[in-house]
Amino acid sequence: MTRPLSDDDLRAMMTHMIGARVSSQRAFNLQRQGRAGTNAPIDGSEAIVVGAARALDPTADWVLPQYREPVALQRFGPEVLESYVRYILGDPDGGHIPEPVRVWPPQISLATQVPHAVGMAWGMKRTGETGCALVFLGDGSTSEGDFYEAANFAGVLRAPVIFVVVNNGWAISTPVASQTAAKNFAAKSHAFGFPGTTVDGTDILAVYEVVSEARERAVSGAGPTLIEAVTYRLAPHTTADDPTRYMPDDELVAARGRDPLTRFQKELSGRGLWSDDDTTRAEADADAVMEAAIQAAEADRANPIELFDHVHAIRTTRLERQRREWIDHYGEDPR
């Protein structure tokens, strides 16, 4: 049974959605300022990530993100955002999240986190843990072999894993119609022997409900669920992308009219739970948190040369040559 959400829950979810949008936009600006590397804006997917996180138990469940979800996983602890900031700023330790936070580091290669999610879920089942693993992936990742192999094993093993396919309409510049001939991405679950469902990814309450049901199924031993969360990407795929070259203007305008933040804010305002002042306060608080994370990361930036020290137990001849070339070009400590 889906746990009812309290007023405090609803307000926290709105706050986290706003925080995700603010943090994502700050990360975008950092890249444009030359202070951060390429990153992927979350705009349009906030309801999916925040709604899913609210349905999970941060003390028992694991989340395996792709690359745009960390800014919306505040429910799992401030360490997630702090680590993500270090990651985009190029810190060799960036992405590593200390225990007991149960969020894996972000990664870029499509679908490579999906086998890890299934392996973790299977391990939890074998050791008798009561939680589950939830993995986020994009519609483009469903074309990768890692997705099919992992989902097939998940079905066979009845692993407690939830696949959340974020269908935002585009895999970089490839539209959904060129990505699959299936009726929808949820239908792909039938080949694996477990349920699949499609949910409006701009409706945070609907996302919360379907993920809650999937979690109950997983922890009860009934096996995996595939959730297709349909939204629309409201920003570039990454800071290296120019969506004006391929995205129809009318589609984007229509999608902005269904902005998940605006939708949920209207819902809460209608219940007397949110106001414009709350939005202003949440934006200011999120900006302050992000600024503190940026300042801390830039003040304590690791030496990039350490990248060469954690590849092999003993540096290879080639790696040693690259390390010497780095020193010749940048010096021992270019921070």
Protein backbone atom coordinates (compact mmCIF):
# COMPACT_ATOMS: atom_id res chain seq x y z
CA MET A 1 0.00 0.00 0.00
CA THR A 2 1.33 3.45 -0.96
CA ARG A 3 2.22 5.51 2.09
CA PRO A 4 0.09 8.69 2.27
CA LEU A 5 2.06 11.89 1.90
CA SER A 6 1.85 14.47 4.67
CA ASP A 7 1.78 18.22 4.08
CA ASP A 8 5.41 18.32 5.19
CA ASP A 9 6.26 15.65 2.61
CA LEU A 10 4.61 17.65 -0.15
CA ARG A 11 6.37 20.86 0.81
CA ALA A 12 9.71 19.06 1.00
CA MET A 13 9.16 17.60 -2.47
CA MET A 14 8.44 21.06 -3.91
CA THR A 15 11.53 22.41 -2.18
CA HIS A 16 13.68 19.63 -3.61
CA MET A 17 12.35 20.19 -7.13
CA ILE A 18 13.20 23.88 -6.93
CA GLY A 19 16.60 23.05 -5.47
CA ALA A 20 17.30 20.70 -8.36
CA ARG A 21 16.40 23.34 -10.96
CA VAL A 22 18.51 26.01 -9.24
CA SER A 23 21.51 23.70 -8.80
CA SER A 24 21.29 22.52 -12.40
CA GLN A 25 21.21 26.06 -13.72
CA ARG A 26 24.16 27.04 -11.53
CA ALA A 27 26.10 24.05 -12.85
CA PHE A 28 25.30 25.15 -16.40
CA ASN A 29 26.59 28.64 -15.65
CA LEU A 30 29.77 27.24 -14.10
CA GLN A 31 30.54 25.42 -17.33
CA ARG A 32 29.99 28.58 -19.35
CA GLN A 33 32.36 30.42 -16.99
CA GLY A 34 35.06 27.81 -17.59
CA ARG A 35 34.93 26.63 -13.98
CA ALA A 36 33.23 23.26 -14.58
CA GLY A 37 33.18 20.49 -17.13
CA THR A 38 30.34 19.33 -19.32
CA ASN A 39 27.19 18.56 -17.36
CA ALA A 40 23.59 17.60 -18.10
CA PRO A 41 20.72 19.89 -17.00
CA ILE A 42 17.83 18.21 -15.22
CA ASP A 43 15.18 20.69 -16.41
CA GLY A 44 11.98 18.76 -17.09
CA SER A 45 12.88 15.65 -15.09
CA GLU A 46 12.71 17.02 -11.55
CA ALA A 47 9.34 15.43 -10.75
CA ILE A 48 10.60 12.01 -11.80
CA VAL A 49 13.69 12.02 -9.61
CA VAL A 50 12.20 13.75 -6.57
CA GLY A 51 9.01 11.68 -6.72
CA ALA A 52 10.98 8.44 -7.00
CA ALA A 53 13.32 9.40 -4.17
CA ARG A 54 10.38 10.17 -1.88
CA ALA A 55 9.02 6.65 -2.47
CA LEU A 56 12.30 5.03 -1.41
CA ASP A 57 13.85 4.37 1.99
CA PRO A 58 17.25 6.13 2.16
CA THR A 59 18.35 3.76 4.92
CA ALA A 60 17.60 0.57 2.97
CA ASP A 61 17.43 1.32 -0.77
CA TRP A 62 20.08 2.23 -3.32
CA VAL A 63 19.92 4.68 -6.23
CA LEU A 64 22.08 4.36 -9.34
CA PRO A 65 21.85 7.59 -11.34
CA GLN A 66 23.03 8.33 -14.81
CA TYR A 67 24.31 11.91 -15.09
CA ARG A 68 21.52 14.42 -14.49
CA GLU A 69 19.80 13.01 -11.38
CA PRO A 70 22.20 13.81 -8.48
CA VAL A 71 21.01 17.41 -8.07
CA ALA A 72 17.51 16.11 -7.26
CA LEU A 73 18.47 13.46 -4.73
CA GLN A 74 18.54 15.72 -1.66
CA ARG A 75 16.40 13.18 0.20
CA PHE A 76 19.44 10.90 0.36
CA GLY A 77 21.62 13.56 1.99
CA PRO A 78 23.52 16.78 1.18
CA GLU A 79 26.60 14.70 0.38
CA VAL A 80 25.06 13.81 -2.99
CA LEU A 81 25.03 17.41 -4.21
CA GLU A 82 28.43 18.17 -2.67
CA SER A 83 29.96 15.19 -4.43
CA TYR A 84 28.31 16.11 -7.73
CA VAL A 85 29.76 19.62 -7.55
CA ARG A 86 33.22 18.16 -7.05
CA TYR A 87 32.56 15.84 -9.97
CA ILE A 88 31.71 18.59 -12.46
CA LEU A 89 34.58 20.74 -11.19
CA GLY A 90 36.99 17.98 -12.16
CA ASP A 91 38.01 16.82 -8.70
CA PRO A 92 39.54 13.32 -8.99
CA ASP A 93 37.54 12.37 -5.89
CA GLY A 94 34.35 13.86 -7.31
CA GLY A 95 31.44 11.47 -7.61
CA HIS A 96 32.54 9.37 -4.66
CA ILE A 97 29.87 9.54 -1.97
CA PRO A 98 30.84 8.35 1.51
CA GLU A 99 28.80 5.83 3.43
CA PRO A 100 26.10 5.58 4.65
CA VAL A 101 24.65 7.54 1.70
CA ARG A 102 23.21 5.00 -0.71
CA VAL A 103 23.72 6.77 -4.04
CA TRP A 104 26.21 5.58 -6.63
CA PRO A 105 28.45 8.01 -8.52
CA PRO A 106 27.16 9.48 -11.79
CA GLN A 107 28.54 8.16 -15.05
CA ILE A 108 28.28 9.01 -18.73
CA SER A 109 28.48 5.76 -20.72
CA LEU A 110 24.93 4.77 -21.65
CA ALA A 111 23.33 1.97 -19.61
CA THR A 112 26.53 0.82 -17.93
CA GLN A 113 24.95 1.47 -14.52
CA VAL A 114 22.08 -0.94 -15.27
CA PRO A 115 24.03 -4.21 -14.81
CA HIS A 116 25.46 -2.80 -11.59
CA ALA A 117 21.94 -2.09 -10.33
CA VAL A 118 20.83 -5.63 -11.04
CA GLY A 119 23.95 -7.07 -9.45
CA MET A 120 23.45 -4.96 -6.34
CA ALA A 121 19.78 -5.94 -6.11
CA TRP A 122 20.60 -9.62 -6.53
CA GLY A 123 23.27 -9.33 -3.84
CA MET A 124 20.74 -7.73 -1.50
CA LYS A 125 18.35 -10.59 -2.15
CA ARG A 126 21.01 -13.21 -1.47
CA THR A 127 22.06 -11.61 1.80
CA GLY A 128 18.49 -11.09 2.99
CA GLU A 129 18.50 -7.29 2.92
CA THR A 130 15.04 -5.75 2.80
CA GLY A 131 15.68 -2.89 0.40
CA CYS A 132 15.80 -2.52 -3.36
CA ALA A 133 17.89 -0.84 -6.04
CA LEU A 134 16.46 1.83 -8.34
CA VAL A 135 18.30 2.73 -11.51
CA PHE A 136 17.66 5.77 -13.70
CA LEU A 137 18.34 5.55 -17.42
CA GLY A 138 17.33 7.53 -20.48
CA ASP A 139 15.33 6.39 -23.49
CA GLY A 140 18.56 6.21 -25.47
CA SER A 141 20.00 3.74 -22.97
CA THR A 142 17.27 1.23 -23.84
CA SER A 143 19.03 0.69 -27.16
CA GLU A 144 22.16 -0.57 -25.42
CA GLY A 145 22.99 -4.23 -24.88
CA ASP A 146 23.73 -3.61 -21.19
CA PHE A 147 20.07 -2.72 -20.66
CA TYR A 148 18.71 -5.88 -22.31
CA GLU A 149 21.19 -8.23 -20.68
CA ALA A 150 20.69 -6.75 -17.23
CA ALA A 151 16.90 -6.62 -17.48
CA ASN A 152 16.82 -10.23 -18.67
CA PHE A 153 18.86 -11.36 -15.66
CA ALA A 154 16.69 -9.27 -13.36
CA GLY A 155 13.62 -11.12 -14.56
CA VAL A 156 15.21 -14.53 -14.25
CA LEU A 157 16.62 -13.79 -10.79
CA ARG A 158 13.53 -11.89 -9.59
CA ALA A 159 15.92 -9.27 -8.32
CA PRO A 160 14.49 -6.39 -6.24
CA VAL A 161 15.28 -3.70 -8.81
CA ILE A 162 13.28 -0.85 -10.30
CA PHE A 163 14.16 0.42 -13.79
CA VAL A 164 13.10 4.03 -14.31
CA VAL A 165 13.36 4.92 -17.98
CA VAL A 166 13.22 8.70 -18.33
CA ASN A 167 11.61 9.25 -21.71
CA ASN A 168 12.23 12.95 -22.30
CA GLY A 169 11.61 12.74 -26.03
CA TRP A 170 15.23 12.91 -27.14
CA ALA A 171 18.42 10.87 -26.93
CA ILE A 172 20.64 13.89 -27.57
CA SER A 173 19.25 14.74 -31.04
CA THR A 174 17.59 11.38 -31.76
CA PRO A 175 13.80 11.52 -31.30
CA VAL A 176 11.89 8.66 -29.72
CA ALA A 177 10.36 7.69 -33.07
CA SER A 178 13.86 6.89 -34.34
CA GLN A 179 14.83 5.13 -31.12
CA THR A 180 12.32 2.28 -31.04
CA ALA A 181 9.44 0.74 -32.98
CA ALA A 182 7.86 -0.56 -29.79
CA LYS A 183 4.52 0.88 -28.66
CA ASN A 184 6.36 2.44 -25.73
CA PHE A 185 9.38 1.71 -23.57
CA ALA A 186 7.30 0.10 -20.83
CA ALA A 187 6.31 -2.64 -23.29
CA LYS A 188 9.90 -3.84 -23.38
CA SER A 189 9.39 -5.38 -19.93
CA HIS A 190 7.22 -8.13 -21.41
CA ALA A 191 10.30 -9.75 -22.98
CA PHE A 192 11.86 -9.99 -19.52
CA GLY A 193 8.88 -11.44 -17.70
CA PHE A 194 8.03 -8.64 -15.32
CA PRO A 195 5.57 -5.71 -15.31
CA GLY A 196 6.07 -2.43 -17.09
CA THR A 197 4.07 0.74 -16.70
CA THR A 198 4.01 4.24 -18.17
CA VAL A 199 3.56 7.30 -15.97
CA ASP A 200 3.28 11.03 -16.61
CA GLY A 201 6.74 12.20 -15.59
CA THR A 202 5.56 15.76 -15.07
CA ASP A 203 3.17 14.62 -12.33
CA ILE A 204 5.25 14.09 -9.20
CA LEU A 205 2.40 12.48 -7.26
CA ALA A 206 1.82 9.93 -10.01
CA VAL A 207 5.54 9.13 -10.06
CA TYR A 208 5.55 8.71 -6.30
CA GLU A 209 2.63 6.27 -6.50
CA VAL A 210 4.05 4.01 -9.22
CA VAL A 211 7.51 3.89 -7.63
CA SER A 212 5.95 3.11 -4.24
CA GLU A 213 4.08 0.20 -5.81
CA ALA A 214 7.22 -1.00 -7.57
CA ARG A 215 9.18 -0.84 -4.33
CA GLU A 216 6.54 -2.83 -2.48
CA ARG A 217 6.69 -5.42 -5.23
CA ALA A 218 10.49 -5.55 -5.09
CA VAL A 219 10.89 -5.88 -1.31
CA SER A 220 8.11 -8.48 -1.09
CA GLY A 221 10.07 -10.79 -3.38
CA ALA A 222 7.85 -10.34 -6.46
CA GLY A 223 10.71 -9.06 -8.60
CA PRO A 224 11.50 -6.10 -10.86
CA THR A 225 9.36 -3.38 -12.43
CA LEU A 226 10.08 -1.18 -15.42
CA ILE A 227 8.67 2.34 -15.21
CA GLU A 228 8.61 4.60 -18.24
CA ALA A 229 8.34 8.19 -17.02
CA VAL A 230 7.31 10.45 -19.89
CA THR A 231 8.39 14.09 -19.84
CA TYR A 232 10.10 16.53 -22.20
CA ARG A 233 13.62 17.87 -22.00
CA LEU A 234 13.37 21.60 -21.28
CA ALA A 235 17.09 22.34 -21.65
CA PRO A 236 20.01 21.15 -23.78
CA HIS A 237 21.02 17.52 -23.47
CA THR A 238 24.30 18.74 -21.99
CA THR A 239 26.22 21.98 -21.89
CA ALA A 240 27.88 20.83 -25.13
CA ASP A 241 24.57 20.58 -26.99
CA ASP A 242 22.58 23.04 -29.13
CA PRO A 243 18.95 21.81 -29.18
CA THR A 244 17.83 24.64 -31.46
CA ARG A 245 19.38 22.69 -34.34
CA TYR A 246 16.88 19.83 -34.05
CA MET A 247 14.16 20.47 -31.46
CA PRO A 248 10.90 21.89 -32.92
CA ASP A 249 10.07 25.25 -31.33
CA ASP A 250 6.36 24.43 -30.98
CA GLU A 251 7.12 21.22 -29.09
CA LEU A 252 9.35 23.01 -26.62
CA VAL A 253 6.82 25.80 -26.08
CA ALA A 254 4.08 23.25 -25.41
CA ALA A 255 6.33 21.32 -23.02
CA ARG A 256 7.17 24.44 -21.05
CA GLY A 257 3.45 24.82 -20.48
CA ARG A 258 3.63 21.45 -18.69
CA ASP A 259 6.72 22.33 -16.63
CA PRO A 260 6.67 19.92 -13.65
CA LEU A 261 7.68 22.68 -11.22
CA THR A 262 4.84 24.95 -12.30
CA ARG A 263 2.39 22.07 -12.22
CA PHE A 264 3.21 21.00 -8.67
CA GLN A 265 3.40 24.56 -7.41
CA LYS A 266 -0.15 25.16 -8.67
CA GLU A 267 -1.27 21.93 -7.00
CA LEU A 268 0.16 22.93 -3.65
CA SER A 269 -1.03 26.51 -3.93
CA GLY A 270 -4.54 25.21 -4.50
CA ARG A 271 -4.25 23.27 -1.24
CA GLY A 272 -2.98 26.32 0.61
CA LEU A 273 0.45 24.71 1.11
CA TRP A 274 2.62 26.95 -1.07
CA SER A 275 3.01 30.61 -1.99
CA ASP A 276 5.19 32.80 -4.17
CA ASP A 277 7.14 33.74 -1.04
CA ASP A 278 7.85 30.05 -0.47
CA THR A 279 9.24 29.81 -3.99
CA THR A 280 11.48 32.83 -3.47
CA ARG A 281 12.73 31.43 -0.18
CA ALA A 282 13.37 27.95 -1.64
CA GLU A 283 15.30 29.41 -4.57
CA ALA A 284 17.44 31.56 -2.29
CA ASP A 285 18.14 28.65 0.07
CA ALA A 286 19.05 26.35 -2.82
CA ASP A 287 21.36 28.97 -4.31
CA ALA A 288 23.09 29.40 -0.95
CA VAL A 289 23.58 25.65 -0.56
CA MET A 290 24.97 25.37 -4.08
CA GLU A 291 27.28 28.33 -3.56
CA ALA A 292 28.64 26.81 -0.35
CA ALA A 293 29.28 23.52 -2.15
CA ILE A 294 31.07 25.32 -4.98
CA GLN A 295 33.24 27.35 -2.63
CA ALA A 296 34.16 24.29 -0.59
CA ALA A 297 35.02 22.27 -3.68
CA GLU A 298 37.11 25.02 -5.26
CA ALA A 299 38.95 25.65 -2.00
CA ASP A 300 39.77 22.00 -1.52
CA ARG A 301 40.38 20.90 -5.09
CA ALA A 302 42.50 17.77 -5.40
CA ASN A 303 45.66 17.81 -7.48
CA PRO A 304 44.76 16.51 -10.98
CA ILE A 305 48.03 14.62 -11.12
CA GLU A 306 46.45 12.16 -8.67
CA LEU A 307 44.48 10.81 -11.61
CA PHE A 308 47.59 8.92 -12.64
CA ASP A 309 47.97 7.35 -9.20
CA HIS A 310 44.71 5.39 -9.10
CA VAL A 311 44.55 3.55 -12.40
CA HIS A 312 46.75 0.53 -11.67
CA ALA A 313 48.47 -0.76 -8.55
CA ILE A 314 51.76 -0.17 -10.39
CA ARG A 315 51.85 2.50 -13.08
CA THR A 316 52.44 1.11 -16.56
CA THR A 317 55.18 2.44 -18.81
CA ARG A 318 52.62 4.26 -20.91
CA LEU A 319 50.90 5.77 -17.89
CA GLU A 320 54.23 6.87 -16.45
CA ARG A 321 55.10 8.54 -19.74
CA GLN A 322 51.76 10.38 -19.73
CA ARG A 323 52.34 11.46 -16.16
CA ARG A 324 55.75 12.93 -17.04
CA GLU A 325 54.21 14.75 -20.04
CA TRP A 326 51.54 16.18 -17.75
CA ILE A 327 54.17 17.47 -15.32
CA ASP A 328 56.22 18.96 -18.14
CA HIS A 329 53.18 20.82 -19.40
CA TYR A 330 51.30 21.79 -16.22
CA GLY A 331 53.81 21.38 -13.43
CA GLU A 332 53.63 19.25 -10.29
CA ASP A 333 50.59 21.04 -8.88
CA PRO A 334 48.58 23.15 -11.36
CA ARG A 335 45.73 23.89 -8.98
